[in-house]
């Protein structure tokens, strides 16, 4: 169990930093969200879809 604890600590640190950073980027970007994540997920789900 002691070998797993640093991994949980790392994930907690990433979550604590990533949330406010994403929120500030969203606020400074005027509320626009990037479609990169959506298109990447769509392409990984259906690689034969040539419209994305």
PDB file of N, CA and C in Angstrom:
ATOM      1  N   UNK A   1       0.815  -1.192   0.000  1.00  0.00           N
ATOM      2  CA  UNK A   1       0.000   0.000   0.000  1.00  0.00           C
ATOM      3  C   UNK A   1       0.860   1.258   0.000  1.00  0.00           C
ATOM      4  N   UNK A   2       2.018   1.192   0.579  1.00  0.00           N
ATOM      5  CA  UNK A   2       2.852   2.389   0.650  1.00  0.00           C
ATOM      6  C   UNK A   2       3.414   2.766  -0.724  1.00  0.00           C
ATOM      7  N   UNK A   3       3.478   1.807  -1.663  1.00  0.00           N
ATOM      8  CA  UNK A   3       3.949   2.140  -3.007  1.00  0.00           C
ATOM      9  C   UNK A   3       2.868   2.844  -3.817  1.00  0.00           C
ATOM     10  N   UNK A   4       1.613   2.686  -3.446  1.00  0.00           N
ATOM     11  CA  UNK A   4       0.502   3.280  -4.180  1.00  0.00           C
ATOM     12  C   UNK A   4       0.239   4.710  -3.715  1.00  0.00           C
ATOM     13  N   UNK A   5       0.586   5.036  -2.492  1.00  0.00           N
ATOM     14  CA  UNK A   5       0.295   6.345  -1.918  1.00  0.00           C
ATOM     15  C   UNK A   5       0.870   7.503  -2.732  1.00  0.00           C
ATOM     16  N   UNK A   6       2.121   7.454  -3.218  1.00  0.00           N
ATOM     17  CA  UNK A   6       2.621   8.569  -4.024  1.00  0.00           C
ATOM     18  C   UNK A   6       1.828   8.783  -5.319  1.00  0.00           C
ATOM     19  N   UNK A   7       1.282   7.718  -5.883  1.00  0.00           N
ATOM     20  CA  UNK A   7       0.493   7.852  -7.104  1.00  0.00           C
ATOM     21  C   UNK A   7      -0.792   8.619  -6.802  1.00  0.00           C
ATOM     22  N   UNK A   8      -1.452   8.297  -5.697  1.00  0.00           N
ATOM     23  CA  UNK A   8      -2.657   9.038  -5.312  1.00  0.00           C
ATOM     24  C   UNK A   8      -2.326  10.496  -5.028  1.00  0.00           C
ATOM     25  N   UNK A   9      -1.189  10.735  -4.401  1.00  0.00           N
ATOM     26  CA  UNK A   9      -0.768  12.108  -4.140  1.00  0.00           C
ATOM     27  C   UNK A   9      -0.525  12.871  -5.420  1.00  0.00           C
ATOM     28  N   UNK A  10       0.102  12.217  -6.398  1.00  0.00           N
ATOM     29  CA  UNK A  10       0.362  12.861  -7.685  1.00  0.00           C
ATOM     30  C   UNK A  10      -0.943  13.179  -8.404  1.00  0.00           C
ATOM     31  N   UNK A  11      -1.875  12.233  -8.434  1.00  0.00           N
ATOM     32  CA  UNK A  11      -3.162  12.475  -9.086  1.00  0.00           C
ATOM     33  C   UNK A  11      -3.946  13.584  -8.382  1.00  0.00           C
ATOM     34  N   UNK A  12      -3.862  13.636  -7.068  1.00  0.00           N
ATOM     35  CA  UNK A  12      -4.536  14.701  -6.323  1.00  0.00           C
ATOM     36  C   UNK A  12      -3.935  16.054  -6.670  1.00  0.00           C
ATOM     37  N   UNK A  13      -2.617  16.133  -6.752  1.00  0.00           N
ATOM     38  CA  UNK A  13      -1.947  17.381  -7.110  1.00  0.00           C
ATOM     39  C   UNK A  13      -2.325  17.823  -8.520  1.00  0.00           C
ATOM     40  N   UNK A  14      -2.355  16.882  -9.444  1.00  0.00           N
ATOM     41  CA  UNK A  14      -2.739  17.215 -10.824  1.00  0.00           C
ATOM     42  C   UNK A  14      -4.178  17.728 -10.866  1.00  0.00           C
ATOM     43  N   UNK A  15      -5.075  17.088 -10.141  1.00  0.00           N
ATOM     44  CA  UNK A  15      -6.477  17.518 -10.133  1.00  0.00           C
ATOM     45  C   UNK A  15      -6.633  18.896  -9.501  1.00  0.00           C
ATOM     46  N   UNK A  16      -5.885  19.167  -8.444  1.00  0.00           N
ATOM     47  CA  UNK A  16      -5.983  20.465  -7.782  1.00  0.00           C
ATOM     48  C   UNK A  16      -5.436  21.598  -8.650  1.00  0.00           C
ATOM     49  N   UNK A  17      -4.478  21.289  -9.507  1.00  0.00           N
ATOM     50  CA  UNK A  17      -3.914  22.313 -10.391  1.00  0.00           C
ATOM     51  C   UNK A  17      -4.721  22.417 -11.680  1.00  0.00           C
ATOM     52  N   UNK A  18      -5.147  21.296 -12.217  1.00  0.00           N
ATOM     53  CA  UNK A  18      -5.817  21.282 -13.514  1.00  0.00           C
ATOM     54  C   UNK A  18      -7.185  21.962 -13.477  1.00  0.00           C
ATOM     55  N   UNK A  19      -7.922  21.804 -12.416  1.00  0.00           N
ATOM     56  CA  UNK A  19      -9.244  22.408 -12.320  1.00  0.00           C
ATOM     57  C   UNK A  19      -9.220  23.924 -12.421  1.00  0.00           C
ATOM     58  N   UNK A  20      -8.468  24.608 -11.550  1.00  0.00           N
ATOM     59  CA  UNK A  20      -8.419  26.072 -11.644  1.00  0.00           C
ATOM     60  C   UNK A  20      -7.783  26.574 -12.945  1.00  0.00           C
ATOM     61  N   UNK A  21      -6.802  25.866 -13.456  1.00  0.00           N
ATOM     62  CA  UNK A  21      -6.176  26.293 -14.716  1.00  0.00           C
ATOM     63  C   UNK A  21      -7.191  26.225 -15.844  1.00  0.00           C
ATOM     64  N   UNK A  22      -7.939  25.141 -15.933  1.00  0.00           N
ATOM     65  CA  UNK A  22      -8.947  25.018 -16.985  1.00  0.00           C
ATOM     66  C   UNK A  22     -10.034  26.073 -16.817  1.00  0.00           C
ATOM     67  N   UNK A  23     -10.414  26.335 -15.565  1.00  0.00           N
ATOM     68  CA  UNK A  23     -11.436  27.345 -15.312  1.00  0.00           C
ATOM     69  C   UNK A  23     -10.963  28.724 -15.754  1.00  0.00           C
ATOM     70  N   UNK A  24      -9.725  29.077 -15.456  1.00  0.00           N
ATOM     71  CA  UNK A  24      -9.188  30.378 -15.857  1.00  0.00           C
ATOM     72  C   UNK A  24      -9.032  30.475 -17.367  1.00  0.00           C
ATOM     73  N   UNK A  25      -8.604  29.415 -18.010  1.00  0.00           N
ATOM     74  CA  UNK A  25      -8.496  29.442 -19.469  1.00  0.00           C
ATOM     75  C   UNK A  25      -9.866  29.625 -20.105  1.00  0.00           C
ATOM     76  N   UNK A  26     -10.865  28.978 -19.535  1.00  0.00           N
ATOM     77  CA  UNK A  26     -12.229  29.124 -20.047  1.00  0.00           C
ATOM     78  C   UNK A  26     -12.717  30.563 -19.856  1.00  0.00           C
ATOM     79  N   UNK A  27     -12.419  31.148 -18.705  1.00  0.00           N
ATOM     80  CA  UNK A  27     -12.851  32.517 -18.416  1.00  0.00           C
ATOM     81  C   UNK A  27     -12.129  33.509 -19.328  1.00  0.00           C
ATOM     82  N   UNK A  28     -10.813  33.357 -19.488  1.00  0.00           N
ATOM     83  CA  UNK A  28     -10.042  34.295 -20.306  1.00  0.00           C
ATOM     84  C   UNK A  28     -10.318  34.107 -21.792  1.00  0.00           C
ATOM     85  N   UNK A  29     -10.758  32.940 -22.187  1.00  0.00           N
ATOM     86  CA  UNK A  29     -11.050  32.679 -23.586  1.00  0.00           C
ATOM     87  C   UNK A  29     -12.428  33.160 -24.007  1.00  0.00           C
ATOM     88  N   UNK A  30     -13.128  33.843 -23.147  1.00  0.00           N
ATOM     89  CA  UNK A  30     -14.436  34.368 -23.485  1.00  0.00           C
ATOM     90  C   UNK A  30     -15.530  33.319 -23.478  1.00  0.00           C
ATOM     91  N   UNK A  31     -15.292  32.210 -22.806  1.00  0.00           N
ATOM     92  CA  UNK A  31     -16.310  31.177 -22.719  1.00  0.00           C
ATOM     93  C   UNK A  31     -16.263  30.160 -23.838  1.00  0.00           C
ATOM     94  N   UNK A  32     -15.344  30.323 -24.770  1.00  0.00           N
ATOM     95  CA  UNK A  32     -15.242  29.375 -25.878  1.00  0.00           C
ATOM     96  C   UNK A  32     -14.455  28.156 -25.434  1.00  0.00           C
ATOM     97  N   UNK A  33     -14.951  27.001 -25.791  1.00  0.00           N
ATOM     98  CA  UNK A  33     -14.248  25.759 -25.470  1.00  0.00           C
ATOM     99  C   UNK A  33     -13.631  25.200 -26.739  1.00  0.00           C
ATOM    100  N   UNK A  34     -12.507  24.560 -26.565  1.00  0.00           N
ATOM    101  CA  UNK A  34     -11.835  23.964 -27.702  1.00  0.00           C
ATOM    102  C   UNK A  34     -12.545  22.683 -28.115  1.00  0.00           C
ATOM    103  N   UNK A  35     -12.621  22.450 -29.400  1.00  0.00           N
ATOM    104  CA  UNK A  35     -13.258  21.229 -29.891  1.00  0.00           C
ATOM    105  C   UNK A  35     -12.242  20.114 -30.082  1.00  0.00           C
ATOM    106  N   UNK A  36     -10.983  20.359 -29.695  1.00  0.00           N
ATOM    107  CA  UNK A  36      -9.938  19.362 -29.890  1.00  0.00           C
ATOM    108  C   UNK A  36     -10.269  18.061 -29.171  1.00  0.00           C
ATOM    109  N   UNK A  37     -10.681  18.146 -27.922  1.00  0.00           N
ATOM    110  CA  UNK A  37     -10.966  16.939 -27.146  1.00  0.00           C
ATOM    111  C   UNK A  37     -12.135  16.182 -27.762  1.00  0.00           C
ATOM    112  N   UNK A  38     -13.172  16.904 -28.170  1.00  0.00           N
ATOM    113  CA  UNK A  38     -14.334  16.257 -28.779  1.00  0.00           C
ATOM    114  C   UNK A  38     -13.951  15.547 -30.072  1.00  0.00           C
ATOM    115  N   UNK A  39     -13.216  16.232 -30.941  1.00  0.00           N
ATOM    116  CA  UNK A  39     -12.845  15.622 -32.219  1.00  0.00           C
ATOM    117  C   UNK A  39     -11.886  14.456 -32.031  1.00  0.00           C
ATOM    118  N   UNK A  40     -10.979  14.571 -31.060  1.00  0.00           N
ATOM    119  CA  UNK A  40     -10.045  13.481 -30.782  1.00  0.00           C
ATOM    120  C   UNK A  40     -10.795  12.246 -30.280  1.00  0.00           C
ATOM    121  N   UNK A  41     -11.750  12.458 -29.379  1.00  0.00           N
ATOM    122  CA  UNK A  41     -12.536  11.336 -28.863  1.00  0.00           C
ATOM    123  C   UNK A  41     -13.407  10.736 -29.958  1.00  0.00           C
ATOM    124  N   UNK A  42     -13.967  11.587 -30.809  1.00  0.00           N
ATOM    125  CA  UNK A  42     -14.809  11.088 -31.893  1.00  0.00           C
ATOM    126  C   UNK A  42     -13.990  10.269 -32.885  1.00  0.00           C
ATOM    127  N   UNK A  43     -12.793  10.751 -33.196  1.00  0.00           N
ATOM    128  CA  UNK A  43     -11.938  10.030 -34.140  1.00  0.00           C
ATOM    129  C   UNK A  43     -11.470   8.700 -33.552  1.00  0.00           C
ATOM    130  N   UNK A  44     -11.188   8.662 -32.254  1.00  0.00           N
ATOM    131  CA  UNK A  44     -10.742   7.413 -31.648  1.00  0.00           C
ATOM    132  C   UNK A  44     -11.890   6.405 -31.553  1.00  0.00           C
ATOM    133  N   UNK A  45     -13.122   6.911 -31.499  1.00  0.00           N
ATOM    134  CA  UNK A  45     -14.285   6.016 -31.443  1.00  0.00           C
ATOM    135  C   UNK A  45     -14.603   5.445 -32.800  1.00  0.00           C
ATOM    136  N   UNK A  46     -14.478   6.249 -33.850  1.00  0.00           N
ATOM    137  CA  UNK A  46     -14.818   5.804 -35.204  1.00  0.00           C
ATOM    138  C   UNK A  46     -13.737   6.287 -36.179  1.00  0.00           C
ATOM    139  N   UNK A  47     -12.661   5.518 -36.349  1.00  0.00           N
ATOM    140  CA  UNK A  47     -11.567   5.969 -37.211  1.00  0.00           C
ATOM    141  C   UNK A  47     -11.942   6.032 -38.700  1.00  0.00           C
ATOM    142  N   UNK A  48     -13.073   5.459 -39.083  1.00  0.00           N
ATOM    143  CA  UNK A  48     -13.467   5.508 -40.500  1.00  0.00           C
ATOM    144  C   UNK A  48     -14.243   6.775 -40.840  1.00  0.00           C
ATOM    145  N   UNK A  49     -14.574   7.567 -39.823  1.00  0.00           N
ATOM    146  CA  UNK A  49     -15.310   8.805 -40.041  1.00  0.00           C
ATOM    147  C   UNK A  49     -14.350   9.868 -40.569  1.00  0.00           C
ATOM    148  N   UNK A  50     -14.498  10.265 -41.845  1.00  0.00           N
ATOM    149  CA  UNK A  50     -13.570  11.185 -42.471  1.00  0.00           C
ATOM    150  C   UNK A  50     -14.044  12.635 -42.409  1.00  0.00           C
ATOM    151  N   UNK A  51     -15.145  12.884 -41.707  1.00  0.00           N
ATOM    152  CA  UNK A  51     -15.688  14.236 -41.648  1.00  0.00           C
ATOM    153  C   UNK A  51     -15.200  15.021 -40.455  1.00  0.00           C
ATOM    154  N   UNK A  52     -14.311  14.443 -39.616  1.00  0.00           N
ATOM    155  CA  UNK A  52     -13.846  15.210 -38.479  1.00  0.00           C
ATOM    156  C   UNK A  52     -12.395  15.576 -38.609  1.00  0.00           C
TER     157      UNK A  52
END
